[in-house]
Protein backbone atom coordinates (compact mmCIF):
# COMPACT_ATOMS: atom_id res chain seq x y z
CA MET A 1 9.71 24.44 -28.87
CA GLY A 2 10.73 23.23 -25.41
CA GLU A 3 9.46 20.24 -23.53
CA LEU A 4 5.68 20.09 -23.11
CA ARG A 5 4.49 20.83 -19.57
CA VAL A 6 1.17 19.99 -17.94
CA ARG A 7 0.18 23.65 -18.32
CA ASP A 8 0.71 23.40 -22.08
CA VAL A 9 -1.94 20.75 -22.73
CA SER A 10 -5.62 20.39 -21.96
CA GLU A 11 -7.24 18.00 -19.49
CA ARG A 12 -8.58 16.04 -22.43
CA GLU A 13 -5.12 15.70 -23.93
CA LEU A 14 -3.65 14.60 -20.59
CA LEU A 15 -6.39 12.00 -20.22
CA ALA A 16 -5.73 10.78 -23.75
CA ARG A 17 -2.04 10.30 -22.91
CA ILE A 18 -2.95 8.22 -19.85
CA LEU A 19 -5.49 6.09 -21.72
CA ARG A 20 -3.02 5.40 -24.52
CA VAL A 21 -0.79 3.73 -21.94
CA LEU A 22 -3.48 1.99 -19.90
CA GLY A 23 -5.37 0.59 -22.88
CA PRO A 24 -9.06 -0.29 -22.93
CA ALA A 25 -10.92 -0.86 -19.67
CA SER A 26 -11.12 -4.57 -18.89
CA ARG A 27 -14.20 -4.98 -16.69
CA ALA A 28 -16.32 -1.91 -17.18
CA GLU A 29 -19.70 -1.78 -18.84
CA VAL A 30 -18.95 1.95 -19.07
CA GLY A 31 -15.25 2.83 -18.80
CA PRO A 32 -13.19 6.02 -18.74
CA GLY A 33 -14.67 9.05 -20.46
CA ASP A 34 -18.13 9.28 -18.87
CA ASP A 35 -19.16 10.79 -15.51
CA ALA A 36 -18.67 7.49 -13.70
CA ALA A 37 -17.67 3.92 -14.42
CA VAL A 38 -20.32 1.19 -14.45
CA LEU A 39 -18.92 -2.10 -13.19
CA ALA A 40 -20.52 -5.53 -13.21
CA ILE A 41 -20.18 -6.82 -9.65
CA PRO A 42 -20.54 -10.59 -9.14
CA GLY A 43 -22.61 -11.39 -6.08
CA GLY A 44 -23.92 -7.86 -5.71
CA ARG A 45 -21.24 -6.76 -3.18
CA VAL A 46 -18.24 -4.55 -3.78
CA VAL A 47 -15.26 -3.87 -1.51
CA ALA A 48 -14.10 -0.25 -1.73
CA THR A 49 -11.16 1.62 -0.24
CA THR A 50 -9.29 4.83 -0.91
CA ASP A 51 -5.77 6.11 -0.27
CA THR A 52 -4.01 9.40 -0.99
CA LEU A 53 -0.31 10.01 -1.62
CA VAL A 54 0.75 13.64 -1.20
CA HIS A 55 4.09 15.11 -2.21
CA GLY A 56 6.03 15.88 0.97
CA PRO A 57 4.79 13.54 3.69
CA ASP A 58 4.23 10.51 1.42
CA PHE A 59 6.86 10.79 -1.31
CA ARG A 60 9.51 13.15 -2.73
CA LEU A 61 10.05 13.56 -6.47
CA ALA A 62 13.81 13.74 -5.87
CA TRP A 63 13.61 10.10 -4.77
CA THR A 64 10.48 8.81 -6.49
CA SER A 65 10.19 8.55 -10.26
CA PRO A 66 6.74 9.01 -11.82
CA TYR A 67 6.81 5.31 -12.73
CA ASP A 68 7.50 4.33 -9.11
CA LEU A 69 4.80 6.70 -7.90
CA GLY A 70 2.25 5.04 -10.17
CA PHE A 71 3.41 1.57 -9.16
CA LYS A 72 3.27 2.34 -5.43
CA SER A 73 -0.09 4.12 -5.69
CA ALA A 74 -1.60 1.02 -7.27
CA ALA A 75 0.15 -1.40 -4.92
CA VAL A 76 -0.91 0.20 -1.63
CA ASN A 77 -4.54 0.30 -2.74
CA VAL A 78 -4.87 -3.26 -3.99
CA ALA A 79 -3.19 -4.34 -0.73
CA ASP A 80 -6.07 -2.78 1.22
CA VAL A 81 -8.61 -4.70 -0.87
CA ALA A 82 -6.65 -7.92 -0.35
CA ALA A 83 -6.65 -7.21 3.39
CA MET A 84 -10.42 -7.76 3.39
CA GLY A 85 -10.02 -11.15 1.74
CA ALA A 86 -11.19 -9.71 -1.57
CA ARG A 87 -9.93 -9.71 -5.15
CA PRO A 88 -9.20 -6.24 -6.61
CA THR A 89 -11.15 -5.47 -9.77
CA ALA A 90 -10.87 -1.74 -10.50
CA LEU A 91 -9.13 1.50 -9.56
CA LEU A 92 -10.40 5.07 -9.88
CA VAL A 93 -7.51 7.54 -9.94
CA ALA A 94 -7.68 11.28 -9.21
CA LEU A 95 -4.56 13.32 -10.01
CA ALA A 96 -3.87 16.85 -8.79
CA LEU A 97 -0.90 18.00 -10.89
CA PRO A 98 1.28 21.11 -10.72
CA ASP A 99 1.10 22.71 -14.15
CA SER A 100 4.90 22.92 -14.32
CA LEU A 101 5.30 19.14 -14.52
CA PRO A 102 6.38 17.70 -17.87
CA ALA A 103 3.37 16.30 -19.69
CA ALA A 104 5.34 13.06 -20.13
CA PHE A 105 5.14 12.67 -16.34
CA VAL A 106 1.63 11.24 -16.69
CA ASP A 107 2.81 8.70 -19.28
CA ALA A 108 5.32 7.24 -16.84
CA LEU A 109 2.83 7.46 -13.96
CA ALA A 110 0.23 5.54 -15.96
CA THR A 111 2.83 2.95 -16.97
CA GLY A 112 3.60 2.38 -13.30
CA PHE A 113 -0.09 1.83 -12.57
CA ARG A 114 -0.44 -0.54 -15.52
CA ASP A 115 2.62 -2.62 -14.65
CA ALA A 116 1.77 -2.86 -10.94
CA LEU A 117 -1.70 -4.16 -11.69
CA ALA A 118 -0.42 -6.62 -14.28
CA GLU A 119 2.09 -8.00 -11.78
CA LEU A 120 0.19 -7.83 -8.50
CA SER A 121 -3.46 -8.15 -9.47
CA PRO A 122 -4.03 -9.40 -13.03
CA GLY A 123 -7.49 -8.51 -14.29
CA CYS A 124 -7.68 -5.32 -12.23
CA ALA A 125 -7.55 -2.08 -14.24
CA VAL A 126 -7.84 1.68 -13.94
CA GLU A 127 -11.44 2.34 -14.97
CA GLY A 128 -11.76 6.10 -14.48
CA GLY A 129 -10.86 9.05 -12.31
CA ASP A 130 -10.32 12.81 -12.40
CA LEU A 131 -7.67 15.40 -13.28
CA THR A 132 -7.12 18.81 -11.74
CA VAL A 133 -4.34 21.34 -11.15
CA SER A 134 -2.71 21.92 -7.76
CA GLU A 135 0.52 23.34 -6.38
CA THR A 136 0.95 20.05 -4.49
CA LEU A 137 1.21 16.85 -6.48
CA THR A 138 -1.41 14.44 -5.13
CA VAL A 139 -2.48 10.97 -6.24
CA ALA A 140 -5.82 9.80 -4.79
CA VAL A 141 -6.94 6.28 -5.61
CA THR A 142 -10.18 4.44 -4.94
CA ALA A 143 -9.87 0.67 -5.24
CA LEU A 144 -12.78 -1.74 -5.70
CA GLY A 145 -12.88 -5.47 -5.25
CA VAL A 146 -15.16 -8.52 -5.02
CA LEU A 147 -15.34 -11.27 -2.44
CA ASP A 148 -15.63 -14.33 -4.73
CA GLY A 149 -18.03 -16.17 -2.47
CA VAL A 150 -16.23 -15.60 0.84
CA GLU A 151 -17.17 -13.33 3.71
CA PRO A 152 -15.05 -10.20 4.27
CA VAL A 153 -12.34 -10.70 6.89
CA ARG A 154 -12.37 -7.85 9.40
CA ARG A 155 -9.94 -6.82 12.11
CA SER A 156 -12.38 -7.70 14.87
CA GLY A 157 -12.55 -11.50 14.67
CA ALA A 158 -9.28 -12.65 16.30
CA ARG A 159 -9.84 -15.17 19.11
CA PRO A 160 -7.64 -16.48 21.93
CA GLY A 161 -5.73 -19.51 20.71
CA ASP A 162 -5.44 -18.27 17.11
CA GLU A 163 -2.09 -18.22 15.38
CA VAL A 164 -0.76 -14.83 14.26
CA ALA A 165 0.92 -14.92 10.86
CA VAL A 166 2.43 -12.63 8.25
CA ALA A 167 2.70 -12.91 4.47
CA GLY A 168 5.33 -10.68 2.89
CA GLU A 169 8.55 -9.08 4.04
CA LEU A 170 8.82 -6.94 7.17
CA GLY A 171 11.35 -4.17 7.74
CA ALA A 172 12.81 -3.66 4.27
CA ALA A 173 10.72 -0.56 3.51
CA ALA A 174 11.83 1.06 6.77
CA ARG A 175 15.47 0.37 5.94
CA GLY A 176 14.90 1.84 2.48
CA LEU A 177 13.42 5.01 3.95
CA ARG A 178 16.37 5.32 6.32
CA ILE A 179 18.78 5.05 3.37
CA LEU A 180 16.97 7.94 1.67
CA PHE A 181 16.96 10.19 4.74
CA ASP A 182 20.50 9.32 5.86
CA ARG A 183 22.35 9.34 2.54
CA PHE A 184 20.43 11.41 0.03
CA ARG A 185 19.79 14.77 1.69
CA ASP A 186 21.99 17.84 1.79
CA THR A 187 23.04 19.68 4.95
CA ASP A 188 19.75 21.62 4.92
CA GLY A 189 17.70 18.41 4.71
CA ILE A 190 16.76 18.91 1.05
CA PRO A 191 16.36 15.59 -0.82
CA LEU A 192 19.09 14.76 -3.34
CA PRO A 193 18.81 12.39 -6.32
CA ILE A 194 19.64 8.76 -5.56
CA ASP A 195 23.15 7.76 -6.67
CA ASP A 196 22.84 4.11 -7.68
CA ASP A 197 26.63 3.71 -7.82
CA VAL A 198 26.97 3.94 -4.03
CA LEU A 199 24.29 1.34 -3.31
CA SER A 200 24.88 -2.29 -2.41
CA VAL A 201 22.62 -5.09 -3.60
CA ALA A 202 20.96 -5.08 -0.17
CA ASP A 203 20.46 -1.30 -0.36
CA ARG A 204 18.76 -1.60 -3.73
CA HIS A 205 16.45 -4.29 -2.38
CA ASP A 206 15.44 -2.11 0.56
CA LEU A 207 14.93 0.97 -1.60
CA GLU A 208 12.72 -0.98 -3.99
CA ALA A 209 10.66 -2.22 -1.04
CA GLN A 210 10.09 1.42 -0.07
CA LEU A 211 9.62 2.95 -3.53
CA ARG A 212 7.97 0.05 -5.38
CA PRO A 213 6.30 -2.27 -2.84
CA ARG A 214 4.98 -5.67 -3.89
CA PRO A 215 2.28 -6.77 -1.44
CA PRO A 216 1.17 -10.44 -1.63
CA VAL A 217 -2.24 -9.53 -3.01
CA GLU A 218 -3.25 -13.03 -4.08
CA LEU A 219 -2.82 -14.29 -0.51
CA GLY A 220 -5.70 -12.13 0.75
CA VAL A 221 -8.26 -14.37 -0.95
CA LEU A 222 -6.31 -17.44 0.17
CA ALA A 223 -6.44 -16.23 3.78
CA ALA A 224 -10.20 -15.75 3.62
CA ARG A 225 -10.74 -19.22 2.15
CA ALA A 226 -8.47 -20.72 4.83
CA GLY A 227 -10.71 -19.31 7.56
CA ALA A 228 -8.76 -16.24 8.69
CA THR A 229 -10.44 -14.69 11.72
CA ALA A 230 -8.75 -11.29 11.29
CA LEU A 231 -6.74 -9.73 8.49
CA MET A 232 -5.15 -6.38 7.66
CA ASP A 233 -2.49 -4.68 5.58
CA VAL A 234 0.71 -3.81 7.47
CA SER A 235 1.17 -0.25 6.26
CA ASP A 236 1.90 1.59 9.51
CA GLY A 237 4.23 -0.89 11.21
CA LEU A 238 3.65 -4.35 12.69
CA LEU A 239 3.30 -3.21 16.32
CA LEU A 240 0.85 -0.43 15.52
CA ASP A 241 -1.22 -2.52 13.12
CA ALA A 242 -1.23 -5.57 15.41
CA SER A 243 -2.54 -3.30 18.17
CA ARG A 244 -5.42 -2.33 15.89
CA ILE A 245 -6.43 -5.98 15.48
CA ALA A 246 -6.01 -6.50 19.21
CA ASP A 247 -8.17 -3.50 20.11
CA ALA A 248 -10.86 -4.32 17.54
CA SER A 249 -11.00 -7.95 18.69
CA GLY A 250 -10.62 -7.35 22.42
CA VAL A 251 -7.55 -9.60 22.64
CA THR A 252 -3.80 -9.41 23.13
CA ILE A 253 -1.47 -10.18 20.22
CA SER A 254 1.67 -11.95 21.44
CA ILE A 255 4.59 -11.82 18.98
CA ASP A 256 7.40 -14.26 19.68
CA ALA A 257 9.29 -14.62 16.40
CA GLY A 258 12.46 -12.74 17.40
CA LEU A 259 11.82 -9.90 14.94
CA ASP A 260 14.16 -6.89 14.82
CA ASP A 261 13.16 -3.26 15.35
CA ASP A 262 12.72 -2.55 11.64
CA ALA A 263 10.31 -5.45 11.28
CA LEU A 264 8.40 -4.44 14.41
CA THR A 265 8.16 -0.68 14.01
CA GLY A 266 8.87 0.14 10.36
CA GLY A 267 5.96 1.14 8.15
CA GLU A 268 5.01 0.71 4.50
CA ASP A 269 5.81 -2.99 4.25
CA HIS A 270 2.30 -3.75 2.94
CA ALA A 271 2.60 -7.31 4.15
CA LEU A 272 -0.59 -9.08 5.26
CA LEU A 273 -1.10 -9.68 8.98
CA ALA A 274 -3.61 -12.42 9.75
CA CYS A 275 -4.99 -14.56 12.54
CA PHE A 276 -5.98 -18.18 11.89
CA PRO A 277 -7.43 -20.96 14.03
CA ALA A 278 -4.54 -23.01 15.45
CA GLY A 279 -3.07 -25.38 12.88
CA SER A 280 -4.84 -23.84 9.86
CA THR A 281 -2.35 -21.18 8.76
CA PRO A 282 -1.94 -21.67 4.98
CA LEU A 283 1.22 -21.78 2.90
CA GLY A 284 2.54 -18.31 2.15
CA PHE A 285 2.02 -17.13 5.73
CA ASP A 286 4.66 -17.43 8.48
CA VAL A 287 3.47 -17.84 12.06
CA ILE A 288 4.98 -15.11 14.29
CA GLY A 289 2.91 -15.46 17.45
CA HIS A 290 -0.48 -16.21 18.92
CA VAL A 291 -3.60 -14.56 20.29
CA ARG A 292 -4.18 -14.43 24.05
CA GLU A 293 -6.97 -13.32 26.33
CA ARG A 294 -6.86 -9.57 26.69
CA SER A 295 -4.40 -8.25 29.25
CA GLU A 296 -3.49 -4.64 29.96
CA ALA A 297 -1.36 -4.60 26.80
CA ALA A 298 -2.68 -4.85 23.26
CA VAL A 299 0.61 -6.31 22.01
CA LEU A 300 3.41 -8.25 23.66
CA VAL A 301 6.81 -8.95 22.10
CA ASP A 302 8.61 -11.97 23.53
CA GLY A 303 6.30 -11.71 26.54
CA VAL A 304 7.11 -8.06 27.27
CA VAL A 305 5.20 -4.86 26.59
CA PRO A 306 7.19 -3.06 23.86
CA SER A 307 8.74 0.23 24.90
CA ALA A 308 7.99 2.06 21.64
CA ARG A 309 4.74 2.57 19.78
CA GLY A 310 6.53 2.45 16.44
CA GLY A 311 4.81 2.71 13.11
CA TRP A 312 3.60 5.69 11.14
CA ASP A 313 0.83 8.07 12.13
CA PRO A 314 0.62 11.16 9.87
CA TYR A 315 -1.01 13.23 12.59
CA VAL A 316 1.82 12.43 15.02
CA ASP A 317 4.76 12.09 12.63
CA TRP A 318 3.95 14.92 10.20
CA ASP A 319 6.82 17.20 11.23
CA SER A 320 9.44 14.47 10.93
CA ALA A 321 8.03 13.50 7.54
CA LEU A 322 8.56 17.01 6.26
CA GLY A 323 12.05 17.10 7.87
């Protein structure tokens, strides 16, 4: 017999493969296997978010291993929970799988989820989800979290005089994406497998930032406890995401840290962007600017309105993503 494919096994068997890797649910009163998970929520409030990764615009299997896909899918979702000042507690994962995929694909995918949660958000686990068949590989994740006695930190609380700060690296994921598009496509634009032998140490670092991001999840709770007035995940580029805080808060974000174009406009860093009352920015965050009264511009860079919007918007950048 040849290698098992998704089409060769049942949904139940696929689920069993995933659960063998993930192990028992850690926080569920009712875990995987029923119609829904039942979670004990301290304080009676739950933070919930969802994110979808679709083959084509969000990742390419020629560049992304199933392990990396699982890792990234977990990472980007717990980052969104952290960006509310909350602690991630559970993920619900829905997979739409082409039936031609090797069945072992889900083993590696689940391992990526497991390892990302163990590293980035210990105590958080995959507690349920759904499986279906589709021509387009899609990973949809719902992440849940709790606030641990703090109030959620929204985008709308930044005030003039606040410091603007970032936790995590900016620009590496954009450089990693550029390496993929510039070096690992054929003349027709078709993705080619990554050749590790031609990569420098710096290249490998940037590719890992793109394919296996490590957001500073634990610093979301720290930011809330330190009195952050605004907080968000930098997933679409610093300029674009800073403008979202500025617009929600009715202020201008002034960035004066001498950041390069990759740091300013590159997406998928999954750093945390926060505003703090002057002098209260905690360790782990680097001050990159300050909040001003609203002017005509949402964001200024070194006192000047930036010439480019930057960042990632799937409704604007769809064609280039498919390139």
